[in-house]
Amino acid sequence: MRTLLLIISVLFILPCNAKPYTINASEALSYQLGQQQVTAIMTEIYQPLNIVPEVIFLPSYRGLKNVDQGLLDAEGGRVDVVMTTYKNVIKIPTPIAQSQLAIFCLKPHSCQVNLKDPILRIHGNLIAEHYCAKKGLSCTAVQNDISAFQALVKEQANILLANSVFPSGSLCTAGIKKVYIKLLHAKPHRIYHYVHQRHVKLVSALDASIKALHHSGKLQALIDTLLQSFAKCGGEVIKLPQSLPIVQSQ
């Protein structure tokens, strides 16, 4: 009887003491999509695996280092170009989503990149950081998307370099009613989920889950809700024709 009680006690104690499965998502992503949306996406992906992940939001490089060192279990979503130096993670083959780098402006004639003009980017957006370095642009990092759009309103800069899936809620907060967008690349960046190599056995199940969520339309529905929030406050997004090359010199 005593042994039976001990076994029952262990069965109840183990789930409580089990190590949580922790996913890093960069602070920049939380500003862009919102913590609630990011957590919802990760929860949907892991639901078929009977894993309830804990999503935390760290600065980009610190979070990636922690995942690579195995201090965290997975990385929410990244593009290949920023993951080349992290050797201890495994990419889930099916992308979660895709995004294109774009420039945002409040006046159509301002949507041109000039080598000598200041350009805003959101701190922690590694795609924008990589682009600025590659093109030799003068890019200034601001803390979040609200600060970036407020700087455009104050004419402290003419353009913001950011992902095309933009933080629509922050436009309302910044008091903007109309914004123009011009895509920088014809080919979008694919965003992948990564796990630490000790979770290699989860890769096939996670890949199947992501494929199923695409097929059901759930992933796209979660992303679409972001774009609808700007319309709710009377905002308008106007897409400008893409004209290459965009980078110009004076």
Protein backbone atom coordinates (compact mmCIF):
# COMPACT_ATOMS: atom_id res chain seq x y z
CA MET A 1 0.00 0.00 0.00
CA ARG A 2 2.84 2.33 0.87
CA THR A 3 4.56 1.57 -2.45
CA LEU A 4 1.33 2.27 -4.38
CA LEU A 5 0.94 5.63 -2.68
CA LEU A 6 4.54 6.50 -3.55
CA ILE A 7 3.99 5.70 -7.24
CA ILE A 8 0.81 7.78 -7.33
CA SER A 9 2.65 10.67 -5.67
CA VAL A 10 5.44 10.49 -8.26
CA LEU A 11 2.92 10.50 -11.11
CA PHE A 12 1.40 13.70 -9.79
CA ILE A 13 4.71 15.36 -8.97
CA LEU A 14 6.56 14.69 -12.24
CA PRO A 15 4.46 16.94 -14.52
CA CYS A 16 4.77 19.80 -12.03
CA ASN A 17 8.55 19.46 -11.86
CA ALA A 18 9.08 18.80 -15.57
CA LYS A 19 11.36 21.28 -17.26
CA PRO A 20 9.35 23.73 -19.41
CA TYR A 21 9.88 23.82 -23.15
CA THR A 22 11.03 27.38 -23.77
CA ILE A 23 10.97 29.16 -27.14
CA ASN A 24 12.80 32.42 -27.76
CA ALA A 25 11.19 35.11 -29.87
CA SER A 26 13.10 38.33 -30.41
CA GLU A 27 11.91 41.58 -28.89
CA ALA A 28 11.72 42.98 -32.42
CA LEU A 29 9.25 40.24 -33.38
CA SER A 30 7.14 40.96 -30.33
CA TYR A 31 6.96 44.62 -31.31
CA GLN A 32 6.12 43.70 -34.88
CA LEU A 33 3.54 40.99 -34.33
CA GLY A 34 2.65 41.39 -30.67
CA GLN A 35 3.49 38.91 -27.93
CA GLN A 36 -0.01 37.46 -27.89
CA GLN A 37 0.10 36.66 -31.61
CA VAL A 38 3.57 35.11 -31.45
CA THR A 39 2.58 32.94 -28.49
CA ALA A 40 -0.61 31.87 -30.26
CA ILE A 41 1.34 30.77 -33.35
CA MET A 42 3.87 28.76 -31.33
CA THR A 43 1.09 27.18 -29.26
CA GLU A 44 -0.72 26.05 -32.42
CA ILE A 45 2.47 24.54 -33.86
CA TYR A 46 3.24 22.50 -30.75
CA GLN A 47 -0.32 21.47 -29.91
CA PRO A 48 -0.22 18.16 -31.89
CA LEU A 49 2.97 17.24 -29.99
CA ASN A 50 1.20 17.72 -26.63
CA ILE A 51 3.77 20.37 -25.72
CA VAL A 52 2.66 23.68 -24.24
CA PRO A 53 5.64 25.97 -24.92
CA GLU A 54 6.67 28.93 -22.85
CA VAL A 55 7.53 31.84 -25.16
CA ILE A 56 9.98 34.46 -23.91
CA PHE A 57 11.08 37.64 -25.69
CA LEU A 58 14.78 38.46 -25.60
CA PRO A 59 17.02 40.83 -27.58
CA SER A 60 17.93 39.14 -30.88
CA TYR A 61 21.57 38.21 -30.38
CA ARG A 62 21.20 37.22 -26.72
CA GLY A 63 18.22 35.00 -27.51
CA LEU A 64 19.94 33.29 -30.43
CA LYS A 65 23.06 32.66 -28.34
CA ASN A 66 20.96 31.08 -25.57
CA VAL A 67 19.22 28.79 -28.06
CA ASP A 68 22.52 27.82 -29.71
CA GLN A 69 24.03 27.01 -26.30
CA GLY A 70 21.03 24.89 -25.37
CA LEU A 71 19.87 27.17 -22.57
CA LEU A 72 16.59 27.51 -24.47
CA ASP A 73 14.82 24.86 -26.54
CA ALA A 74 13.87 26.61 -29.76
CA GLU A 75 13.88 29.82 -31.78
CA GLY A 76 10.49 31.16 -32.85
CA GLY A 77 11.14 32.29 -36.41
CA ARG A 78 14.23 33.40 -38.36
CA VAL A 79 15.49 33.65 -41.92
CA ASP A 80 18.47 31.62 -43.13
CA VAL A 81 20.71 34.61 -43.70
CA VAL A 82 20.96 35.42 -39.99
CA MET A 83 21.36 31.80 -38.81
CA THR A 84 24.59 30.82 -40.56
CA THR A 85 26.78 31.22 -37.46
CA TYR A 86 24.58 29.16 -35.15
CA LYS A 87 25.69 25.55 -35.57
CA ASN A 88 23.75 23.80 -32.80
CA VAL A 89 20.25 24.41 -34.12
CA ILE A 90 18.14 22.51 -36.65
CA LYS A 91 15.78 24.16 -39.11
CA ILE A 92 12.26 22.81 -39.50
CA PRO A 93 12.02 22.39 -43.31
CA THR A 94 8.59 23.95 -43.88
CA PRO A 95 8.61 27.75 -43.36
CA ILE A 96 6.16 29.31 -40.95
CA ALA A 97 5.63 32.41 -43.06
CA GLN A 98 7.40 34.74 -45.43
CA SER A 99 8.27 38.39 -45.33
CA GLN A 100 9.79 40.97 -47.61
CA LEU A 101 11.97 43.84 -46.58
CA ALA A 102 10.27 47.13 -47.34
CA ILE A 103 10.54 50.85 -46.81
CA PHE A 104 7.76 52.85 -45.19
CA CYS A 105 7.18 56.56 -45.63
CA LEU A 106 4.47 59.14 -45.04
CA LYS A 107 4.88 60.87 -48.42
CA PRO A 108 5.17 59.03 -51.76
CA HIS A 109 8.16 61.04 -53.00
CA SER A 110 10.05 60.20 -49.79
CA CYS A 111 10.04 56.45 -50.47
CA GLN A 112 13.51 56.40 -51.99
CA VAL A 113 16.64 55.11 -50.30
CA ASN A 114 19.61 57.46 -50.50
CA LEU A 115 23.09 56.54 -49.36
CA LYS A 116 23.52 59.84 -47.52
CA ASP A 117 20.12 60.15 -45.86
CA PRO A 118 19.36 58.73 -42.40
CA ILE A 119 17.25 55.59 -42.41
CA LEU A 120 15.40 54.14 -39.45
CA ARG A 121 15.30 50.46 -38.56
CA ILE A 122 13.88 48.71 -35.53
CA HIS A 123 16.46 47.47 -33.04
CA GLY A 124 16.77 43.69 -33.25
CA ASN A 125 15.45 43.37 -36.81
CA LEU A 126 18.38 41.36 -38.12
CA ILE A 127 17.16 41.28 -41.73
CA ALA A 128 17.17 45.09 -41.86
CA GLU A 129 20.53 45.21 -40.05
CA HIS A 130 22.03 42.80 -42.58
CA TYR A 131 20.65 44.83 -45.51
CA CYS A 132 22.02 48.12 -44.14
CA ALA A 133 25.49 46.63 -43.72
CA LYS A 134 25.46 45.00 -47.15
CA LYS A 135 24.39 48.21 -48.93
CA GLY A 136 26.49 50.59 -46.82
CA LEU A 137 23.46 52.55 -45.68
CA SER A 138 23.33 55.01 -42.79
CA CYS A 139 20.77 53.21 -40.62
CA THR A 140 19.79 54.28 -37.12
CA ALA A 141 18.20 51.72 -34.80
CA VAL A 142 15.23 52.82 -32.70
CA GLN A 143 13.82 50.84 -29.80
CA ASN A 144 10.49 49.79 -31.31
CA ASP A 145 8.03 50.35 -34.12
CA ILE A 146 6.04 53.03 -32.29
CA SER A 147 9.21 55.11 -31.83
CA ALA A 148 10.04 54.60 -35.51
CA PHE A 149 6.69 55.79 -36.82
CA GLN A 150 6.63 58.72 -34.40
CA ALA A 151 10.05 59.76 -35.74
CA LEU A 152 8.59 59.76 -39.26
CA VAL A 153 5.75 61.99 -38.10
CA LYS A 154 8.28 64.40 -36.56
CA GLU A 155 10.29 64.30 -39.82
CA GLN A 156 13.42 63.11 -38.03
CA ALA A 157 13.81 60.70 -40.95
CA ASN A 158 11.97 60.09 -44.19
CA ILE A 159 11.85 56.31 -44.29
CA LEU A 160 11.71 53.23 -42.08
CA LEU A 161 13.31 49.98 -43.19
CA ALA A 162 11.25 47.07 -41.82
CA ASN A 163 9.47 43.83 -42.69
CA SER A 164 6.46 44.05 -44.95
CA VAL A 165 4.28 42.34 -42.32
CA PHE A 166 4.31 45.51 -40.33
CA PRO A 167 3.14 46.38 -36.81
CA SER A 168 -0.24 47.75 -37.82
CA GLY A 169 -1.41 48.41 -34.28
CA SER A 170 1.51 50.74 -33.69
CA LEU A 171 0.42 52.92 -36.60
CA CYS A 172 -2.76 53.69 -34.72
CA THR A 173 -0.81 54.38 -31.55
CA ALA A 174 1.51 56.75 -33.43
CA GLY A 175 -1.50 58.68 -34.75
CA ILE A 176 -0.84 57.82 -38.40
CA LYS A 177 -3.78 57.61 -40.80
CA LYS A 178 -1.93 56.86 -44.03
CA VAL A 179 1.36 55.11 -44.75
CA TYR A 180 3.10 54.21 -48.00
CA ILE A 181 5.09 51.02 -48.52
CA LYS A 182 7.54 49.96 -51.21
CA LEU A 183 9.02 46.46 -51.33
CA LEU A 184 12.80 46.18 -51.66
CA HIS A 185 12.99 42.62 -52.94
CA ALA A 186 10.92 40.72 -55.46
CA LYS A 187 11.74 37.46 -53.69
CA PRO A 188 10.43 37.15 -50.10
CA HIS A 189 12.43 35.83 -47.18
CA ARG A 190 11.16 32.55 -45.79
CA ILE A 191 10.82 32.43 -42.02
CA TYR A 192 11.67 29.11 -40.37
CA HIS A 193 11.32 27.65 -36.88
CA TYR A 194 14.51 26.29 -35.33
CA VAL A 195 15.06 23.82 -32.48
CA HIS A 196 18.20 22.99 -30.53
CA GLN A 197 19.85 19.84 -31.84
CA ARG A 198 18.91 17.84 -28.74
CA HIS A 199 15.31 18.01 -30.00
CA VAL A 200 16.09 16.40 -33.35
CA LYS A 201 13.34 13.81 -32.70
CA LEU A 202 10.74 16.60 -32.82
CA VAL A 203 11.68 17.84 -36.30
CA SER A 204 9.42 15.57 -38.38
CA ALA A 205 6.40 16.10 -36.11
CA LEU A 206 6.90 19.89 -36.09
CA ASP A 207 7.24 19.91 -39.86
CA ALA A 208 3.98 17.96 -40.23
CA SER A 209 2.24 20.34 -37.82
CA ILE A 210 3.35 23.45 -39.73
CA LYS A 211 2.23 21.90 -43.02
CA ALA A 212 -1.18 21.08 -41.53
CA LEU A 213 -1.59 24.63 -40.20
CA HIS A 214 -0.83 26.02 -43.66
CA HIS A 215 -3.33 23.63 -45.21
CA SER A 216 -6.06 24.60 -42.73
CA GLY A 217 -5.35 28.32 -43.14
CA LYS A 218 -4.85 28.86 -39.40
CA LEU A 219 -1.37 30.35 -39.71
CA GLN A 220 -2.44 32.86 -42.34
CA ALA A 221 -5.51 33.76 -40.29
CA LEU A 222 -3.32 34.63 -37.29
CA ILE A 223 -1.15 36.88 -39.45
CA ASP A 224 -4.12 38.48 -41.22
CA THR A 225 -5.52 39.74 -37.92
CA LEU A 226 -2.50 42.04 -37.67
CA LEU A 227 -3.27 43.77 -40.93
CA GLN A 228 -6.89 44.34 -39.99
CA SER A 229 -6.16 46.34 -36.84
CA PHE A 230 -4.92 49.40 -38.74
CA ALA A 231 -8.17 49.57 -40.70
CA LYS A 232 -10.11 49.60 -37.43
CA CYS A 233 -8.65 52.99 -36.51
CA GLY A 234 -9.31 54.41 -39.99
CA GLY A 235 -5.80 53.81 -41.32
CA GLU A 236 -4.85 53.22 -44.94
CA VAL A 237 -1.84 51.40 -46.39
CA ILE A 238 -0.86 52.36 -49.94
CA LYS A 239 1.52 50.10 -51.83
CA LEU A 240 3.83 51.92 -54.23
CA PRO A 241 5.21 50.33 -57.41
CA GLN A 242 8.51 48.58 -56.94
CA SER A 243 11.26 50.27 -58.93
CA LEU A 244 14.77 48.85 -58.88
CA PRO A 245 17.44 49.79 -58.13
CA ILE A 246 16.07 51.73 -55.16
CA VAL A 247 19.39 52.64 -53.57
CA GLN A 248 20.61 55.88 -55.08
CA SER A 249 23.53 58.22 -54.50
CA GLN A 250 23.63 61.98 -54.63
